[in-house]
Amino acid sequence: MRYYYSLKISTDNLSRDNLEEIIGVKSNCEHATWELEVEEKEEDEYVNFIQYFMDIIEDKLPILDSFGVERESITIWMLYAYNNQCNMEFEAEDLLRLGKNKIKLCISCWEE
């Protein structure tokens, strides 16, 4: 069982370098204009990835808006490789925070 969590920004309005300067975090993936990925293994402590990524991006959203970065181009991903059964739950406060900021939560699961 492995989890990958990712905050992605896909836009033509800003370069990766511009986004890194605004957000204050370097991208660690090549899948989007800017992406931050975190891996959680079975033996690792739980990562509240929604809270973690929203803490990084939330106060930067007005700046990104001013550069024409549309909210639908900002996504938070949960990628889950499982063995037997796939269950997940989310805190209502985290989902509310995503909704208030118009950030999409994307989930992809596959059997290992």
N, C-alpha and C. Protein backbone atom coordinates (compact mmCIF):
# COMPACT_ATOMS: atom_id res chain seq x y z
N MET A 1 0.85 -1.17 0.00
CA MET A 1 0.00 0.00 0.00
C MET A 1 0.89 1.24 0.00
N ARG A 2 0.64 2.11 -0.94
CA ARG A 2 1.39 3.36 -1.05
C ARG A 2 0.44 4.48 -1.43
N TYR A 3 0.70 5.63 -0.89
CA TYR A 3 -0.05 6.83 -1.25
C TYR A 3 0.93 7.84 -1.86
N TYR A 4 0.47 8.52 -2.87
CA TYR A 4 1.18 9.66 -3.41
C TYR A 4 0.21 10.82 -3.36
N TYR A 5 0.67 11.94 -2.88
CA TYR A 5 -0.14 13.14 -2.81
C TYR A 5 0.54 14.21 -3.65
N SER A 6 -0.25 14.98 -4.36
CA SER A 6 0.35 15.93 -5.28
C SER A 6 -0.48 17.21 -5.35
N LEU A 7 0.21 18.33 -5.35
CA LEU A 7 -0.38 19.63 -5.62
C LEU A 7 0.15 20.05 -6.98
N LYS A 8 -0.77 20.28 -7.94
CA LYS A 8 -0.36 20.59 -9.31
C LYS A 8 -0.95 21.92 -9.75
N ILE A 9 -0.13 22.65 -10.51
CA ILE A 9 -0.60 23.86 -11.18
C ILE A 9 -0.20 23.72 -12.65
N SER A 10 -1.19 23.74 -13.52
CA SER A 10 -0.94 23.67 -14.96
C SER A 10 -1.43 24.97 -15.57
N THR A 11 -0.51 25.77 -16.09
CA THR A 11 -0.87 27.07 -16.67
C THR A 11 0.15 27.48 -17.71
N ASP A 12 -0.29 28.25 -18.66
CA ASP A 12 0.61 28.85 -19.64
C ASP A 12 0.95 30.28 -19.26
N ASN A 13 0.32 30.80 -18.21
CA ASN A 13 0.50 32.20 -17.83
C ASN A 13 1.79 32.47 -17.07
N LEU A 14 2.33 31.46 -16.40
CA LEU A 14 3.56 31.62 -15.62
C LEU A 14 4.48 30.43 -15.87
N SER A 15 5.76 30.67 -15.81
CA SER A 15 6.74 29.59 -15.94
C SER A 15 6.90 28.87 -14.60
N ARG A 16 7.56 27.75 -14.63
CA ARG A 16 7.86 27.00 -13.39
C ARG A 16 8.65 27.89 -12.43
N ASP A 17 9.64 28.62 -12.96
CA ASP A 17 10.44 29.50 -12.10
C ASP A 17 9.59 30.58 -11.45
N ASN A 18 8.68 31.18 -12.23
CA ASN A 18 7.77 32.19 -11.67
C ASN A 18 6.92 31.61 -10.57
N LEU A 19 6.38 30.41 -10.82
CA LEU A 19 5.52 29.76 -9.81
C LEU A 19 6.31 29.43 -8.55
N GLU A 20 7.54 28.95 -8.71
CA GLU A 20 8.36 28.63 -7.55
C GLU A 20 8.64 29.88 -6.72
N GLU A 21 8.85 31.00 -7.40
CA GLU A 21 9.09 32.26 -6.69
C GLU A 21 7.85 32.71 -5.92
N ILE A 22 6.68 32.62 -6.54
CA ILE A 22 5.43 33.03 -5.89
C ILE A 22 5.08 32.11 -4.73
N ILE A 23 5.16 30.81 -4.96
CA ILE A 23 4.74 29.82 -3.96
C ILE A 23 5.79 29.64 -2.87
N GLY A 24 7.05 29.80 -3.22
CA GLY A 24 8.12 29.65 -2.25
C GLY A 24 8.54 28.21 -2.05
N VAL A 25 8.14 27.34 -2.97
CA VAL A 25 8.49 25.91 -2.90
C VAL A 25 8.89 25.45 -4.29
N LYS A 26 9.97 24.68 -4.38
CA LYS A 26 10.41 24.15 -5.66
C LYS A 26 9.57 22.96 -6.08
N SER A 27 9.27 22.90 -7.35
CA SER A 27 8.58 21.75 -7.93
C SER A 27 9.51 20.53 -7.87
N ASN A 28 8.94 19.36 -7.60
CA ASN A 28 9.77 18.15 -7.58
C ASN A 28 9.29 17.11 -8.59
N CYS A 29 8.49 17.53 -9.56
CA CYS A 29 7.97 16.62 -10.60
C CYS A 29 7.93 17.35 -11.93
N GLU A 30 7.81 16.57 -12.99
CA GLU A 30 7.77 17.15 -14.34
C GLU A 30 6.40 17.01 -15.00
N HIS A 31 5.38 16.57 -14.29
CA HIS A 31 4.08 16.26 -14.89
C HIS A 31 3.21 17.47 -15.17
N ALA A 32 3.49 18.60 -14.58
CA ALA A 32 2.68 19.80 -14.76
C ALA A 32 3.63 20.98 -14.84
N THR A 33 3.09 22.16 -15.07
CA THR A 33 3.93 23.35 -15.06
C THR A 33 4.66 23.44 -13.73
N TRP A 34 3.93 23.18 -12.64
CA TRP A 34 4.51 23.13 -11.30
C TRP A 34 3.80 22.03 -10.53
N GLU A 35 4.60 21.21 -9.82
CA GLU A 35 4.01 20.11 -9.05
C GLU A 35 4.87 19.79 -7.84
N LEU A 36 4.20 19.54 -6.73
CA LEU A 36 4.86 19.08 -5.52
C LEU A 36 4.24 17.74 -5.14
N GLU A 37 5.06 16.69 -5.11
CA GLU A 37 4.56 15.36 -4.80
C GLU A 37 5.18 14.86 -3.50
N VAL A 38 4.35 14.19 -2.69
CA VAL A 38 4.76 13.61 -1.42
C VAL A 38 4.35 12.14 -1.45
N GLU A 39 5.25 11.26 -1.05
CA GLU A 39 4.93 9.83 -0.98
C GLU A 39 4.77 9.42 0.48
N GLU A 40 3.74 8.63 0.74
CA GLU A 40 3.51 8.08 2.07
C GLU A 40 3.49 6.56 1.93
N LYS A 41 4.38 5.89 2.66
CA LYS A 41 4.41 4.43 2.65
C LYS A 41 3.63 3.90 3.84
N GLU A 42 3.34 2.61 3.80
CA GLU A 42 2.52 1.99 4.84
C GLU A 42 3.09 2.22 6.24
N GLU A 43 4.39 2.20 6.39
CA GLU A 43 5.01 2.35 7.70
C GLU A 43 5.11 3.82 8.15
N ASP A 44 4.81 4.76 7.25
CA ASP A 44 4.89 6.18 7.57
C ASP A 44 3.68 6.63 8.37
N GLU A 45 3.86 7.73 9.08
CA GLU A 45 2.76 8.37 9.79
C GLU A 45 1.82 9.03 8.78
N TYR A 46 0.53 9.11 9.09
CA TYR A 46 -0.46 9.70 8.19
C TYR A 46 -0.10 11.15 7.88
N VAL A 47 -0.28 11.52 6.63
CA VAL A 47 -0.08 12.90 6.18
C VAL A 47 -1.45 13.48 5.84
N ASN A 48 -1.84 14.57 6.51
CA ASN A 48 -3.06 15.27 6.12
C ASN A 48 -2.69 16.13 4.92
N PHE A 49 -2.74 15.52 3.76
CA PHE A 49 -2.22 16.14 2.55
C PHE A 49 -3.04 17.35 2.12
N ILE A 50 -4.34 17.34 2.36
CA ILE A 50 -5.16 18.50 1.99
C ILE A 50 -4.72 19.71 2.80
N GLN A 51 -4.62 19.54 4.09
CA GLN A 51 -4.18 20.62 4.97
C GLN A 51 -2.76 21.08 4.61
N TYR A 52 -1.87 20.13 4.37
CA TYR A 52 -0.47 20.44 4.03
C TYR A 52 -0.40 21.29 2.77
N PHE A 53 -1.08 20.86 1.71
CA PHE A 53 -1.02 21.59 0.45
C PHE A 53 -1.77 22.92 0.52
N MET A 54 -2.89 22.96 1.21
CA MET A 54 -3.62 24.22 1.34
C MET A 54 -2.83 25.24 2.15
N ASP A 55 -2.08 24.78 3.15
CA ASP A 55 -1.21 25.69 3.91
C ASP A 55 -0.16 26.31 2.99
N ILE A 56 0.30 25.58 2.01
CA ILE A 56 1.30 26.08 1.06
C ILE A 56 0.68 27.09 0.09
N ILE A 57 -0.50 26.80 -0.42
CA ILE A 57 -1.04 27.54 -1.56
C ILE A 57 -2.07 28.62 -1.21
N GLU A 58 -2.78 28.45 -0.11
CA GLU A 58 -3.97 29.28 0.14
C GLU A 58 -3.69 30.78 0.12
N ASP A 59 -2.65 31.24 0.80
CA ASP A 59 -2.39 32.68 0.83
C ASP A 59 -1.75 33.19 -0.46
N LYS A 60 -1.37 32.28 -1.35
CA LYS A 60 -0.80 32.67 -2.65
C LYS A 60 -1.86 32.78 -3.74
N LEU A 61 -3.07 32.32 -3.47
CA LEU A 61 -4.12 32.29 -4.49
C LEU A 61 -4.45 33.67 -5.06
N PRO A 62 -4.54 34.73 -4.25
CA PRO A 62 -4.80 36.05 -4.85
C PRO A 62 -3.71 36.49 -5.82
N ILE A 63 -2.46 36.17 -5.51
CA ILE A 63 -1.34 36.52 -6.41
C ILE A 63 -1.47 35.72 -7.70
N LEU A 64 -1.74 34.43 -7.59
CA LEU A 64 -1.91 33.60 -8.78
C LEU A 64 -3.09 34.09 -9.61
N ASP A 65 -4.17 34.48 -8.95
CA ASP A 65 -5.33 35.05 -9.65
C ASP A 65 -4.92 36.28 -10.46
N SER A 66 -4.09 37.13 -9.87
CA SER A 66 -3.69 38.37 -10.55
C SER A 66 -2.87 38.11 -11.81
N PHE A 67 -2.25 36.93 -11.89
CA PHE A 67 -1.50 36.54 -13.08
C PHE A 67 -2.34 35.70 -14.04
N GLY A 68 -3.61 35.57 -13.75
CA GLY A 68 -4.51 34.84 -14.64
C GLY A 68 -4.45 33.33 -14.51
N VAL A 69 -3.91 32.84 -13.39
CA VAL A 69 -3.90 31.39 -13.14
C VAL A 69 -5.30 31.02 -12.65
N GLU A 70 -6.01 30.25 -13.44
CA GLU A 70 -7.39 29.90 -13.11
C GLU A 70 -7.42 28.80 -12.05
N ARG A 71 -8.42 28.86 -11.19
CA ARG A 71 -8.53 27.89 -10.10
C ARG A 71 -8.66 26.46 -10.61
N GLU A 72 -9.32 26.27 -11.76
CA GLU A 72 -9.45 24.90 -12.26
C GLU A 72 -8.12 24.32 -12.73
N SER A 73 -7.08 25.14 -12.81
CA SER A 73 -5.76 24.63 -13.18
C SER A 73 -4.94 24.25 -11.95
N ILE A 74 -5.52 24.43 -10.76
CA ILE A 74 -4.87 24.06 -9.50
C ILE A 74 -5.61 22.85 -8.93
N THR A 75 -4.90 21.74 -8.79
CA THR A 75 -5.54 20.51 -8.31
C THR A 75 -4.70 19.86 -7.21
N ILE A 76 -5.40 19.16 -6.33
CA ILE A 76 -4.75 18.34 -5.31
C ILE A 76 -5.13 16.90 -5.60
N TRP A 77 -4.12 16.05 -5.66
CA TRP A 77 -4.31 14.65 -6.04
C TRP A 77 -3.98 13.71 -4.91
N MET A 78 -4.76 12.64 -4.83
CA MET A 78 -4.45 11.49 -3.97
C MET A 78 -4.36 10.29 -4.91
N LEU A 79 -3.19 9.69 -4.96
CA LEU A 79 -2.96 8.50 -5.79
C LEU A 79 -2.69 7.35 -4.84
N TYR A 80 -3.46 6.29 -4.95
CA TYR A 80 -3.46 5.24 -3.94
C TYR A 80 -3.32 3.87 -4.60
N ALA A 81 -2.21 3.20 -4.29
CA ALA A 81 -2.00 1.83 -4.75
C ALA A 81 -2.37 0.90 -3.59
N TYR A 82 -3.34 0.02 -3.81
CA TYR A 82 -3.85 -0.81 -2.73
C TYR A 82 -3.76 -2.29 -3.09
N ASN A 83 -3.94 -3.13 -2.06
CA ASN A 83 -3.87 -4.58 -2.26
C ASN A 83 -5.24 -5.24 -2.24
N ASN A 84 -6.04 -5.02 -1.22
CA ASN A 84 -7.29 -5.75 -1.08
C ASN A 84 -8.53 -4.87 -1.21
N GLN A 85 -8.60 -3.84 -0.44
CA GLN A 85 -9.79 -3.01 -0.40
C GLN A 85 -9.36 -1.54 -0.38
N CYS A 86 -10.15 -0.70 -1.00
CA CYS A 86 -9.85 0.74 -1.08
C CYS A 86 -10.89 1.52 -0.30
N ASN A 87 -10.50 2.07 0.84
CA ASN A 87 -11.38 2.92 1.65
C ASN A 87 -10.67 4.22 1.94
N MET A 88 -11.41 5.29 1.99
CA MET A 88 -10.82 6.58 2.36
C MET A 88 -11.88 7.46 2.98
N GLU A 89 -11.43 8.39 3.79
CA GLU A 89 -12.34 9.36 4.39
C GLU A 89 -11.60 10.68 4.52
N PHE A 90 -12.37 11.76 4.52
CA PHE A 90 -11.79 13.09 4.58
C PHE A 90 -12.50 13.89 5.64
N GLU A 91 -11.78 14.79 6.27
CA GLU A 91 -12.36 15.68 7.28
C GLU A 91 -13.24 16.71 6.58
N ALA A 92 -14.38 16.99 7.15
CA ALA A 92 -15.31 17.97 6.57
C ALA A 92 -14.65 19.34 6.44
N GLU A 93 -13.85 19.72 7.43
CA GLU A 93 -13.19 21.03 7.40
C GLU A 93 -12.22 21.14 6.22
N ASP A 94 -11.54 20.03 5.90
CA ASP A 94 -10.60 20.04 4.77
C ASP A 94 -11.37 20.18 3.45
N LEU A 95 -12.48 19.47 3.32
CA LEU A 95 -13.28 19.56 2.10
C LEU A 95 -13.91 20.94 1.97
N LEU A 96 -14.33 21.52 3.08
CA LEU A 96 -14.88 22.87 3.06
C LEU A 96 -13.81 23.88 2.61
N ARG A 97 -12.62 23.71 3.12
CA ARG A 97 -11.50 24.60 2.75
C ARG A 97 -11.21 24.51 1.25
N LEU A 98 -11.21 23.30 0.71
CA LEU A 98 -11.02 23.13 -0.73
C LEU A 98 -12.14 23.84 -1.50
N GLY A 99 -13.37 23.60 -1.08
CA GLY A 99 -14.52 24.18 -1.77
C GLY A 99 -14.53 25.70 -1.72
N LYS A 100 -14.22 26.28 -0.57
CA LYS A 100 -14.19 27.73 -0.44
C LYS A 100 -13.15 28.36 -1.37
N ASN A 101 -12.08 27.63 -1.63
CA ASN A 101 -11.00 28.13 -2.48
C ASN A 101 -11.10 27.64 -3.93
N LYS A 102 -12.15 26.86 -4.21
CA LYS A 102 -12.41 26.33 -5.55
C LYS A 102 -11.23 25.52 -6.09
N ILE A 103 -10.67 24.69 -5.20
CA ILE A 103 -9.58 23.79 -5.57
C ILE A 103 -10.16 22.39 -5.69
N LYS A 104 -9.86 21.72 -6.81
CA LYS A 104 -10.36 20.36 -7.06
C LYS A 104 -9.54 19.32 -6.30
N LEU A 105 -10.24 18.31 -5.79
CA LEU A 105 -9.62 17.13 -5.21
C LEU A 105 -9.79 16.01 -6.21
N CYS A 106 -8.69 15.42 -6.65
CA CYS A 106 -8.71 14.34 -7.62
C CYS A 106 -8.16 13.08 -6.95
N ILE A 107 -8.83 11.95 -7.17
CA ILE A 107 -8.42 10.69 -6.55
C ILE A 107 -8.29 9.64 -7.63
N SER A 108 -7.17 8.93 -7.60
CA SER A 108 -6.96 7.82 -8.52
C SER A 108 -6.46 6.62 -7.71
N CYS A 109 -7.15 5.47 -7.85
CA CYS A 109 -6.79 4.26 -7.12
C CYS A 109 -6.53 3.14 -8.11
N TRP A 110 -5.59 2.28 -7.79
CA TRP A 110 -5.32 1.11 -8.61
C TRP A 110 -4.84 -0.02 -7.73
N GLU A 111 -5.13 -1.24 -8.16
CA GLU A 111 -4.72 -2.42 -7.40
C GLU A 111 -3.29 -2.76 -7.75
N GLU A 112 -2.46 -2.97 -6.70
CA GLU A 112 -1.06 -3.32 -6.90
C GLU A 112 -0.91 -4.78 -7.23
